[in-house]
């Protein structure tokens, strides 16, 4: 873990100079054909957010975002290598205290939802419409990214890698 923090502290966002984290907005088409976004709770805060974490040695930010989505939310799919944007997040780090980080966000078209995953029992996960998800997160910048992603999916500019599966596993509401 400290290796990831050291890497992130060396990896800084060019415009702000803040340490970089990577995140994923897991999405799928709902049974009504509209875009849905998966949010998870923070382990300590309990607030709704997207899966995110520190860069990983030997992985692109997109690949690290997909790994975080697996570890924190138990989903797998196809991650878009081009970020949808970024946002500032004030993180409470156990060792470093409060630090401002820039989170580079990638869309992840979910293909598989697992019944158990590495952080199962430490977080809740919930599928919401893009509009509902944008209303649940605290960051206005993240809400705007979620809204924009939902609009792109609804307009057919982002497509799932597989057809929606009726009756698939859903997280309890």
N, C-alpha and C. Protein backbone atom coordinates (compact mmCIF):
# COMPACT_ATOMS: atom_id res chain seq x y z
N UNK A 1 0.82 -1.20 0.00
CA UNK A 1 0.00 0.00 0.00
C UNK A 1 0.86 1.26 0.00
N UNK A 2 1.88 1.29 0.84
CA UNK A 2 2.74 2.48 0.86
C UNK A 2 3.45 2.67 -0.47
N UNK A 3 3.74 1.56 -1.18
CA UNK A 3 4.33 1.67 -2.51
C UNK A 3 3.40 2.40 -3.46
N UNK A 4 2.11 2.11 -3.38
CA UNK A 4 1.12 2.80 -4.22
C UNK A 4 1.07 4.28 -3.88
N UNK A 5 1.13 4.60 -2.59
CA UNK A 5 1.10 6.00 -2.16
C UNK A 5 2.34 6.72 -2.66
N UNK A 6 3.50 6.09 -2.53
CA UNK A 6 4.74 6.71 -3.01
C UNK A 6 4.67 6.96 -4.51
N UNK A 7 4.15 5.96 -5.28
CA UNK A 7 4.02 6.13 -6.72
C UNK A 7 3.08 7.30 -7.02
N UNK A 8 1.96 7.37 -6.33
CA UNK A 8 0.99 8.44 -6.56
C UNK A 8 1.58 9.80 -6.19
N UNK A 9 2.36 9.85 -5.15
CA UNK A 9 2.95 11.13 -4.74
C UNK A 9 3.95 11.61 -5.80
N UNK A 10 4.57 10.66 -6.52
CA UNK A 10 5.46 11.03 -7.62
C UNK A 10 4.67 11.33 -8.89
N UNK A 11 3.46 10.75 -9.01
CA UNK A 11 2.60 10.96 -10.17
C UNK A 11 1.67 12.10 -9.84
N UNK A 12 1.89 13.21 -10.46
CA UNK A 12 1.09 14.39 -10.15
C UNK A 12 0.37 14.86 -11.40
N UNK A 13 -0.83 15.38 -11.21
CA UNK A 13 -1.62 15.90 -12.30
C UNK A 13 -0.95 17.18 -12.79
N UNK A 14 -0.75 17.27 -14.09
CA UNK A 14 0.03 18.37 -14.66
C UNK A 14 -0.56 19.75 -14.34
N UNK A 15 -1.87 19.89 -14.42
CA UNK A 15 -2.48 21.20 -14.21
C UNK A 15 -2.52 21.65 -12.77
N UNK A 16 -2.63 20.71 -11.83
CA UNK A 16 -2.81 21.09 -10.43
C UNK A 16 -1.63 20.77 -9.54
N UNK A 17 -0.80 19.82 -9.95
CA UNK A 17 0.31 19.38 -9.12
C UNK A 17 -0.12 18.47 -7.99
N UNK A 18 -1.42 18.11 -7.92
CA UNK A 18 -1.91 17.21 -6.87
C UNK A 18 -1.52 15.77 -7.18
N UNK A 19 -1.37 14.93 -6.13
CA UNK A 19 -1.18 13.50 -6.36
C UNK A 19 -2.38 12.94 -7.11
N UNK A 20 -2.14 11.91 -7.91
CA UNK A 20 -3.17 11.32 -8.75
C UNK A 20 -3.67 10.00 -8.19
N UNK A 21 -4.98 9.84 -8.19
CA UNK A 21 -5.61 8.54 -8.00
C UNK A 21 -6.37 8.23 -9.28
N UNK A 22 -6.83 7.00 -9.40
CA UNK A 22 -7.61 6.61 -10.56
C UNK A 22 -8.94 6.04 -10.09
N UNK A 23 -9.97 6.25 -10.87
CA UNK A 23 -11.30 5.77 -10.49
C UNK A 23 -12.06 5.27 -11.70
N UNK A 24 -13.10 4.50 -11.43
CA UNK A 24 -13.95 3.97 -12.49
C UNK A 24 -15.40 4.33 -12.20
N UNK A 25 -16.12 4.65 -13.26
CA UNK A 25 -17.57 4.75 -13.17
C UNK A 25 -18.10 3.48 -13.83
N UNK A 26 -18.45 2.46 -13.03
CA UNK A 26 -19.02 1.25 -13.60
C UNK A 26 -20.45 1.56 -14.08
N UNK A 27 -20.78 1.13 -15.31
CA UNK A 27 -22.09 1.42 -15.86
C UNK A 27 -22.61 0.21 -16.63
N UNK A 28 -23.92 0.21 -16.82
CA UNK A 28 -24.59 -0.81 -17.61
C UNK A 28 -25.91 -0.22 -18.09
N UNK A 29 -26.57 -0.95 -18.97
CA UNK A 29 -27.92 -0.58 -19.37
C UNK A 29 -28.88 -1.30 -18.44
N UNK A 30 -29.83 -0.55 -17.89
CA UNK A 30 -30.83 -1.14 -17.02
C UNK A 30 -31.86 -1.90 -17.83
N UNK A 31 -32.75 -2.54 -17.14
CA UNK A 31 -33.79 -3.33 -17.82
C UNK A 31 -34.67 -2.46 -18.69
N UNK A 32 -34.78 -1.16 -18.38
CA UNK A 32 -35.55 -0.25 -19.22
C UNK A 32 -34.73 0.33 -20.36
N UNK A 33 -33.46 -0.09 -20.47
CA UNK A 33 -32.58 0.39 -21.54
C UNK A 33 -31.82 1.65 -21.20
N UNK A 34 -32.10 2.24 -20.04
CA UNK A 34 -31.42 3.47 -19.62
C UNK A 34 -30.12 3.17 -18.88
N UNK A 35 -29.22 4.14 -18.84
CA UNK A 35 -27.94 3.92 -18.17
C UNK A 35 -28.08 3.84 -16.65
N UNK A 36 -27.36 2.91 -16.06
CA UNK A 36 -27.25 2.78 -14.61
C UNK A 36 -25.78 2.85 -14.23
N UNK A 37 -25.51 3.40 -13.05
CA UNK A 37 -24.15 3.57 -12.53
C UNK A 37 -24.07 2.86 -11.19
N UNK A 38 -22.95 2.20 -10.95
CA UNK A 38 -22.74 1.51 -9.68
C UNK A 38 -21.90 2.38 -8.75
N UNK A 39 -22.43 2.65 -7.57
CA UNK A 39 -21.69 3.38 -6.54
C UNK A 39 -21.37 2.43 -5.40
N UNK A 40 -20.32 2.75 -4.67
CA UNK A 40 -19.94 2.00 -3.47
C UNK A 40 -19.80 2.98 -2.32
N UNK A 41 -19.86 2.46 -1.10
CA UNK A 41 -19.63 3.32 0.06
C UNK A 41 -18.15 3.31 0.42
N UNK A 42 -17.70 4.42 0.96
CA UNK A 42 -16.35 4.48 1.50
C UNK A 42 -16.26 3.60 2.74
N UNK A 43 -15.12 2.98 2.95
CA UNK A 43 -14.98 2.08 4.11
C UNK A 43 -15.14 2.82 5.42
N UNK A 44 -14.52 3.99 5.54
CA UNK A 44 -14.59 4.73 6.80
C UNK A 44 -15.72 5.76 6.81
N UNK A 45 -15.94 6.42 5.69
CA UNK A 45 -16.92 7.52 5.66
C UNK A 45 -18.36 7.04 5.48
N UNK A 46 -18.53 5.92 4.77
CA UNK A 46 -19.88 5.45 4.46
C UNK A 46 -20.57 6.26 3.38
N UNK A 47 -19.86 7.25 2.80
CA UNK A 47 -20.44 8.09 1.74
C UNK A 47 -20.43 7.32 0.41
N UNK A 48 -21.38 7.65 -0.45
CA UNK A 48 -21.45 7.03 -1.77
C UNK A 48 -20.42 7.68 -2.70
N UNK A 49 -19.67 6.84 -3.40
CA UNK A 49 -18.64 7.29 -4.32
C UNK A 49 -18.37 6.22 -5.36
N UNK A 50 -17.42 6.48 -6.23
CA UNK A 50 -17.03 5.51 -7.24
C UNK A 50 -15.83 4.72 -6.73
N UNK A 51 -15.60 3.51 -7.26
CA UNK A 51 -14.37 2.79 -6.90
C UNK A 51 -13.16 3.60 -7.36
N UNK A 52 -12.19 3.75 -6.47
CA UNK A 52 -11.01 4.55 -6.79
C UNK A 52 -9.83 4.08 -5.96
N UNK A 53 -8.64 4.43 -6.39
CA UNK A 53 -7.46 4.07 -5.63
C UNK A 53 -6.20 4.63 -6.26
N UNK A 54 -5.08 4.24 -5.68
CA UNK A 54 -3.78 4.74 -6.12
C UNK A 54 -3.35 4.04 -7.41
N UNK A 55 -2.51 4.71 -8.22
CA UNK A 55 -1.95 4.05 -9.42
C UNK A 55 -1.20 2.79 -9.00
N UNK A 56 -1.07 1.87 -9.95
CA UNK A 56 -0.40 0.60 -9.69
C UNK A 56 0.78 0.45 -10.63
N UNK A 57 1.92 0.09 -10.05
CA UNK A 57 3.14 -0.08 -10.83
C UNK A 57 2.89 -1.08 -11.96
N UNK A 58 3.27 -0.71 -13.17
CA UNK A 58 3.15 -1.60 -14.32
C UNK A 58 1.77 -1.62 -14.95
N UNK A 59 0.83 -0.80 -14.45
CA UNK A 59 -0.52 -0.74 -15.02
C UNK A 59 -0.83 0.68 -15.44
N UNK A 60 -1.62 0.80 -16.49
CA UNK A 60 -2.12 2.11 -16.87
C UNK A 60 -3.13 2.57 -15.82
N UNK A 61 -3.46 3.85 -15.85
CA UNK A 61 -4.49 4.34 -14.93
C UNK A 61 -5.83 3.64 -15.21
N UNK A 62 -6.13 3.37 -16.48
CA UNK A 62 -7.38 2.67 -16.83
C UNK A 62 -7.38 1.26 -16.25
N UNK A 63 -6.29 0.54 -16.40
CA UNK A 63 -6.21 -0.83 -15.87
C UNK A 63 -6.29 -0.83 -14.35
N UNK A 64 -5.67 0.15 -13.71
CA UNK A 64 -5.74 0.26 -12.25
C UNK A 64 -7.18 0.59 -11.82
N UNK A 65 -7.88 1.42 -12.58
CA UNK A 65 -9.28 1.75 -12.27
C UNK A 65 -10.14 0.49 -12.35
N UNK A 66 -9.92 -0.34 -13.36
CA UNK A 66 -10.66 -1.60 -13.50
C UNK A 66 -10.38 -2.52 -12.32
N UNK A 67 -9.13 -2.56 -11.87
CA UNK A 67 -8.76 -3.38 -10.72
C UNK A 67 -9.47 -2.89 -9.45
N UNK A 68 -9.52 -1.57 -9.28
CA UNK A 68 -10.22 -1.00 -8.12
C UNK A 68 -11.71 -1.34 -8.16
N UNK A 69 -12.31 -1.32 -9.35
CA UNK A 69 -13.73 -1.67 -9.49
C UNK A 69 -13.96 -3.12 -9.09
N UNK A 70 -13.02 -4.00 -9.43
CA UNK A 70 -13.12 -5.40 -9.01
C UNK A 70 -12.99 -5.51 -7.49
N UNK A 71 -11.95 -4.90 -6.92
CA UNK A 71 -11.69 -5.02 -5.48
C UNK A 71 -12.77 -4.38 -4.62
N UNK A 72 -13.24 -3.19 -5.00
CA UNK A 72 -14.17 -2.44 -4.16
C UNK A 72 -15.64 -2.74 -4.45
N UNK A 73 -15.96 -3.08 -5.71
CA UNK A 73 -17.37 -3.23 -6.09
C UNK A 73 -17.72 -4.62 -6.63
N UNK A 74 -16.72 -5.44 -6.88
CA UNK A 74 -17.00 -6.78 -7.37
C UNK A 74 -17.56 -6.83 -8.77
N UNK A 75 -17.07 -5.94 -9.64
CA UNK A 75 -17.51 -5.95 -11.04
C UNK A 75 -16.31 -6.06 -11.96
N UNK A 76 -16.56 -6.67 -13.11
CA UNK A 76 -15.55 -6.80 -14.15
C UNK A 76 -16.17 -6.35 -15.46
N UNK A 77 -15.35 -5.85 -16.35
CA UNK A 77 -15.86 -5.40 -17.64
C UNK A 77 -14.77 -4.79 -18.48
N UNK A 78 -15.19 -4.00 -19.44
CA UNK A 78 -14.27 -3.34 -20.36
C UNK A 78 -14.11 -1.89 -19.95
N UNK A 79 -12.86 -1.51 -19.67
CA UNK A 79 -12.58 -0.14 -19.25
C UNK A 79 -12.16 0.67 -20.47
N UNK A 80 -12.65 1.89 -20.56
CA UNK A 80 -12.28 2.80 -21.64
C UNK A 80 -10.91 3.37 -21.31
N UNK A 81 -9.94 3.22 -22.21
CA UNK A 81 -8.59 3.73 -21.91
C UNK A 81 -8.53 5.26 -21.84
N UNK A 82 -9.47 5.94 -22.49
CA UNK A 82 -9.50 7.41 -22.44
C UNK A 82 -10.33 7.86 -21.24
N UNK A 83 -9.77 8.70 -20.38
CA UNK A 83 -10.54 9.15 -19.22
C UNK A 83 -11.74 10.00 -19.63
N UNK A 84 -12.81 9.92 -18.84
CA UNK A 84 -13.98 10.77 -19.06
C UNK A 84 -13.77 12.14 -18.42
N UNK A 85 -12.77 12.26 -17.57
CA UNK A 85 -12.46 13.51 -16.90
C UNK A 85 -11.77 13.24 -15.59
N UNK A 86 -11.71 14.26 -14.75
CA UNK A 86 -11.09 14.11 -13.44
C UNK A 86 -11.79 15.06 -12.47
N UNK A 87 -11.57 14.80 -11.18
CA UNK A 87 -12.13 15.68 -10.16
C UNK A 87 -11.22 15.68 -8.95
N UNK A 88 -11.32 16.73 -8.16
CA UNK A 88 -10.55 16.87 -6.93
C UNK A 88 -11.29 16.16 -5.79
N UNK A 89 -10.52 15.49 -4.95
CA UNK A 89 -11.10 14.78 -3.81
C UNK A 89 -10.19 15.00 -2.60
N UNK A 90 -10.78 15.39 -1.49
CA UNK A 90 -10.02 15.52 -0.25
C UNK A 90 -10.10 14.18 0.46
N UNK A 91 -8.95 13.52 0.55
CA UNK A 91 -8.87 12.16 1.07
C UNK A 91 -8.31 12.17 2.48
N UNK A 92 -8.93 11.38 3.34
CA UNK A 92 -8.39 11.18 4.70
C UNK A 92 -7.51 9.94 4.63
N UNK A 93 -6.21 10.15 4.58
CA UNK A 93 -5.27 9.04 4.52
C UNK A 93 -4.82 8.68 5.93
N UNK A 94 -4.74 7.39 6.21
CA UNK A 94 -4.37 6.92 7.55
C UNK A 94 -3.01 7.45 7.97
N UNK A 95 -2.04 7.44 7.07
CA UNK A 95 -0.67 7.84 7.39
C UNK A 95 -0.45 9.34 7.17
N UNK A 96 -0.96 9.87 6.06
CA UNK A 96 -0.65 11.24 5.65
C UNK A 96 -1.65 12.29 6.14
N UNK A 97 -2.77 11.86 6.69
CA UNK A 97 -3.81 12.81 7.10
C UNK A 97 -4.62 13.23 5.89
N UNK A 98 -5.17 14.44 5.91
CA UNK A 98 -5.98 14.91 4.79
C UNK A 98 -5.10 15.41 3.66
N UNK A 99 -5.33 14.87 2.47
CA UNK A 99 -4.60 15.32 1.28
C UNK A 99 -5.59 15.51 0.15
N UNK A 100 -5.31 16.49 -0.69
CA UNK A 100 -6.12 16.72 -1.88
C UNK A 100 -5.50 15.93 -3.02
N UNK A 101 -6.31 15.11 -3.68
CA UNK A 101 -5.84 14.31 -4.81
C UNK A 101 -6.70 14.61 -6.03
N UNK A 102 -6.15 14.39 -7.19
CA UNK A 102 -6.88 14.50 -8.45
C UNK A 102 -7.20 13.08 -8.89
N UNK A 103 -8.48 12.78 -9.08
CA UNK A 103 -8.89 11.43 -9.47
C UNK A 103 -9.23 11.44 -10.95
N UNK A 104 -8.45 10.69 -11.72
CA UNK A 104 -8.67 10.53 -13.15
C UNK A 104 -9.67 9.39 -13.32
N UNK A 105 -10.78 9.66 -14.00
CA UNK A 105 -11.91 8.74 -14.05
C UNK A 105 -12.08 8.10 -15.43
N UNK A 106 -12.31 6.78 -15.41
CA UNK A 106 -12.54 6.01 -16.64
C UNK A 106 -13.90 5.32 -16.56
N UNK A 107 -14.57 5.22 -17.70
CA UNK A 107 -15.83 4.49 -17.79
C UNK A 107 -15.52 2.99 -17.84
N UNK A 108 -16.31 2.19 -17.14
CA UNK A 108 -16.15 0.74 -17.14
C UNK A 108 -17.50 0.11 -17.49
N UNK A 109 -17.59 -0.46 -18.70
CA UNK A 109 -18.82 -1.15 -19.12
C UNK A 109 -18.84 -2.50 -18.41
N UNK A 110 -19.75 -2.67 -17.47
CA UNK A 110 -19.79 -3.87 -16.63
C UNK A 110 -20.34 -5.05 -17.42
N UNK A 111 -19.60 -6.14 -17.36
CA UNK A 111 -20.00 -7.38 -18.02
C UNK A 111 -20.35 -8.47 -17.02
N UNK A 112 -19.79 -8.35 -15.82
CA UNK A 112 -19.98 -9.40 -14.83
C UNK A 112 -20.02 -8.78 -13.43
N UNK A 113 -21.01 -9.18 -12.65
CA UNK A 113 -21.15 -8.74 -11.27
C UNK A 113 -20.98 -9.96 -10.38
N UNK A 114 -20.00 -9.90 -9.50
CA UNK A 114 -19.65 -11.05 -8.67
C UNK A 114 -20.42 -11.06 -7.35
N UNK A 115 -20.79 -12.24 -6.85
CA UNK A 115 -21.49 -12.31 -5.57
C UNK A 115 -20.56 -12.07 -4.37
N UNK A 116 -19.27 -12.21 -4.57
CA UNK A 116 -18.28 -12.00 -3.52
C UNK A 116 -17.04 -11.39 -4.16
N UNK A 117 -16.33 -10.53 -3.43
CA UNK A 117 -15.16 -9.85 -3.96
C UNK A 117 -14.26 -9.45 -2.80
N UNK A 118 -13.03 -8.98 -3.08
CA UNK A 118 -12.07 -8.71 -2.00
C UNK A 118 -12.58 -7.81 -0.87
N UNK A 119 -13.34 -6.76 -1.15
CA UNK A 119 -13.81 -5.86 -0.10
C UNK A 119 -15.29 -6.07 0.23
N UNK A 120 -15.81 -7.25 -0.11
CA UNK A 120 -17.17 -7.63 0.26
C UNK A 120 -17.27 -7.58 1.79
N UNK A 121 -18.32 -7.02 2.30
CA UNK A 121 -18.48 -6.90 3.75
C UNK A 121 -17.90 -5.62 4.31
N UNK A 122 -17.06 -4.92 3.53
CA UNK A 122 -16.49 -3.65 3.97
C UNK A 122 -17.19 -2.45 3.33
N UNK A 123 -17.91 -2.72 2.24
CA UNK A 123 -18.58 -1.67 1.48
C UNK A 123 -19.95 -2.16 1.05
N UNK A 124 -20.82 -1.22 0.78
CA UNK A 124 -22.09 -1.53 0.13
C UNK A 124 -21.94 -1.11 -1.32
N UNK A 125 -22.71 -1.74 -2.19
CA UNK A 125 -22.75 -1.31 -3.59
C UNK A 125 -24.21 -1.16 -4.00
N UNK A 126 -24.45 -0.23 -4.91
CA UNK A 126 -25.83 0.01 -5.33
C UNK A 126 -25.85 0.53 -6.76
N UNK A 127 -26.71 -0.10 -7.58
CA UNK A 127 -26.98 0.38 -8.93
C UNK A 127 -28.05 1.46 -8.86
N UNK A 128 -27.80 2.57 -9.54
CA UNK A 128 -28.74 3.69 -9.59
C UNK A 128 -28.79 4.23 -11.01
N UNK A 129 -29.86 4.93 -11.34
CA UNK A 129 -29.83 5.63 -12.62
C UNK A 129 -28.70 6.66 -12.54
N UNK A 130 -28.24 7.12 -13.70
CA UNK A 130 -27.16 8.11 -13.69
C UNK A 130 -27.59 9.36 -12.93
N UNK A 131 -28.84 9.77 -13.09
CA UNK A 131 -29.34 10.96 -12.38
C UNK A 131 -29.32 10.73 -10.87
N UNK A 132 -29.81 9.56 -10.43
CA UNK A 132 -29.81 9.26 -8.99
C UNK A 132 -28.38 9.20 -8.44
N UNK A 133 -27.48 8.56 -9.19
CA UNK A 133 -26.09 8.44 -8.74
C UNK A 133 -25.45 9.81 -8.60
N UNK A 134 -25.70 10.70 -9.57
CA UNK A 134 -25.14 12.05 -9.50
C UNK A 134 -25.65 12.78 -8.26
N UNK A 135 -26.87 12.49 -7.85
CA UNK A 135 -27.43 13.12 -6.66
C UNK A 135 -26.92 12.54 -5.34
N UNK A 136 -26.31 11.37 -5.39
CA UNK A 136 -25.83 10.71 -4.16
C UNK A 136 -24.39 11.07 -3.80
N UNK A 137 -23.58 11.46 -4.79
CA UNK A 137 -22.17 11.76 -4.50
C UNK A 137 -22.04 13.19 -4.00
N UNK A 138 -21.03 13.44 -3.18
CA UNK A 138 -20.85 14.77 -2.60
C UNK A 138 -20.16 15.74 -3.54
N UNK A 139 -19.28 15.24 -4.39
CA UNK A 139 -18.52 16.11 -5.28
C UNK A 139 -19.37 16.56 -6.47
N UNK A 140 -19.47 17.87 -6.65
CA UNK A 140 -20.18 18.40 -7.82
C UNK A 140 -19.48 18.01 -9.11
N UNK A 141 -18.14 17.98 -9.07
CA UNK A 141 -17.38 17.60 -10.26
C UNK A 141 -17.65 16.15 -10.64
N UNK A 142 -17.69 15.25 -9.65
CA UNK A 142 -17.99 13.85 -9.93
C UNK A 142 -19.43 13.71 -10.41
N UNK A 143 -20.35 14.44 -9.80
CA UNK A 143 -21.75 14.39 -10.25
C UNK A 143 -21.86 14.79 -11.72
N UNK A 144 -21.10 15.80 -12.12
CA UNK A 144 -21.12 16.24 -13.53
C UNK A 144 -20.56 15.15 -14.44
N UNK A 145 -19.51 14.46 -14.01
CA UNK A 145 -18.94 13.36 -14.82
C UNK A 145 -19.95 12.22 -14.97
N UNK A 146 -20.64 11.89 -13.88
CA UNK A 146 -21.64 10.82 -13.93
C UNK A 146 -22.78 11.22 -14.85
N UNK A 147 -23.25 12.46 -14.75
CA UNK A 147 -24.33 12.95 -15.61
C UNK A 147 -23.91 12.90 -17.07
N UNK A 148 -22.70 13.38 -17.35
CA UNK A 148 -22.20 13.38 -18.73
C UNK A 148 -22.08 11.95 -19.27
N UNK A 149 -21.60 11.03 -18.45
CA UNK A 149 -21.49 9.63 -18.87
C UNK A 149 -22.88 9.08 -19.19
N UNK A 150 -23.85 9.34 -18.30
CA UNK A 150 -25.22 8.89 -18.53
C UNK A 150 -25.78 9.42 -19.84
N UNK A 151 -25.51 10.69 -20.13
CA UNK A 151 -25.99 11.29 -21.38
C UNK A 151 -25.33 10.64 -22.59
N UNK A 152 -24.03 10.35 -22.50
CA UNK A 152 -23.32 9.68 -23.60
C UNK A 152 -23.86 8.29 -23.85
N UNK A 153 -24.15 7.55 -22.76
CA UNK A 153 -24.71 6.21 -22.90
C UNK A 153 -26.10 6.29 -23.52
N UNK A 154 -26.94 7.19 -22.99
CA UNK A 154 -28.31 7.34 -23.50
C UNK A 154 -28.33 7.73 -24.98
N UNK A 155 -27.33 8.51 -25.42
CA UNK A 155 -27.26 8.94 -26.81
C UNK A 155 -26.61 7.88 -27.71
N UNK A 156 -26.20 6.75 -27.13
CA UNK A 156 -25.57 5.69 -27.92
C UNK A 156 -24.11 5.93 -28.25
N UNK A 157 -23.50 6.91 -27.60
CA UNK A 157 -22.08 7.20 -27.85
C UNK A 157 -21.16 6.26 -27.09
N UNK A 158 -21.66 5.64 -26.05
CA UNK A 158 -20.97 4.56 -25.35
C UNK A 158 -21.89 3.37 -25.40
N UNK A 159 -21.35 2.24 -25.74
CA UNK A 159 -22.17 1.04 -25.86
C UNK A 159 -21.62 -0.05 -24.94
N UNK A 160 -22.53 -0.87 -24.39
CA UNK A 160 -22.06 -1.99 -23.58
C UNK A 160 -21.36 -3.00 -24.49
N UNK A 161 -20.49 -3.78 -23.90
CA UNK A 161 -19.78 -4.79 -24.67
C UNK A 161 -20.62 -6.04 -24.86
N UNK A 162 -21.69 -6.17 -24.09
CA UNK A 162 -22.60 -7.30 -24.25
C UNK A 162 -24.02 -6.81 -24.00
N UNK A 163 -24.99 -7.58 -24.42
CA UNK A 163 -26.40 -7.22 -24.24
C UNK A 163 -26.76 -7.29 -22.76
N UNK A 164 -27.69 -6.44 -22.29
CA UNK A 164 -28.14 -6.55 -20.90
C UNK A 164 -28.78 -7.90 -20.66
N UNK A 165 -28.55 -8.44 -19.47
CA UNK A 165 -29.07 -9.76 -19.12
C UNK A 165 -30.21 -9.58 -18.14
N UNK A 166 -31.46 -9.94 -18.54
CA UNK A 166 -32.58 -9.80 -17.61
C UNK A 166 -32.39 -10.69 -16.39
N UNK A 167 -32.80 -10.20 -15.23
CA UNK A 167 -32.74 -11.00 -14.01
C UNK A 167 -31.34 -11.21 -13.46
N UNK A 168 -30.37 -10.40 -13.90
CA UNK A 168 -28.99 -10.55 -13.39
C UNK A 168 -28.95 -10.21 -11.90
N UNK A 169 -27.86 -10.59 -11.27
CA UNK A 169 -27.71 -10.30 -9.84
C UNK A 169 -27.76 -8.80 -9.61
N UNK A 170 -28.46 -8.40 -8.60
CA UNK A 170 -28.52 -6.99 -8.21
C UNK A 170 -28.14 -6.88 -6.73
N UNK A 171 -27.50 -5.80 -6.41
CA UNK A 171 -27.19 -5.55 -5.00
C UNK A 171 -28.48 -5.15 -4.29
N UNK A 172 -28.62 -5.51 -3.04
CA UNK A 172 -29.81 -5.08 -2.31
C UNK A 172 -29.86 -3.57 -2.18
N UNK A 173 -31.06 -3.00 -2.27
CA UNK A 173 -31.21 -1.53 -2.14
C UNK A 173 -31.20 -1.10 -0.70
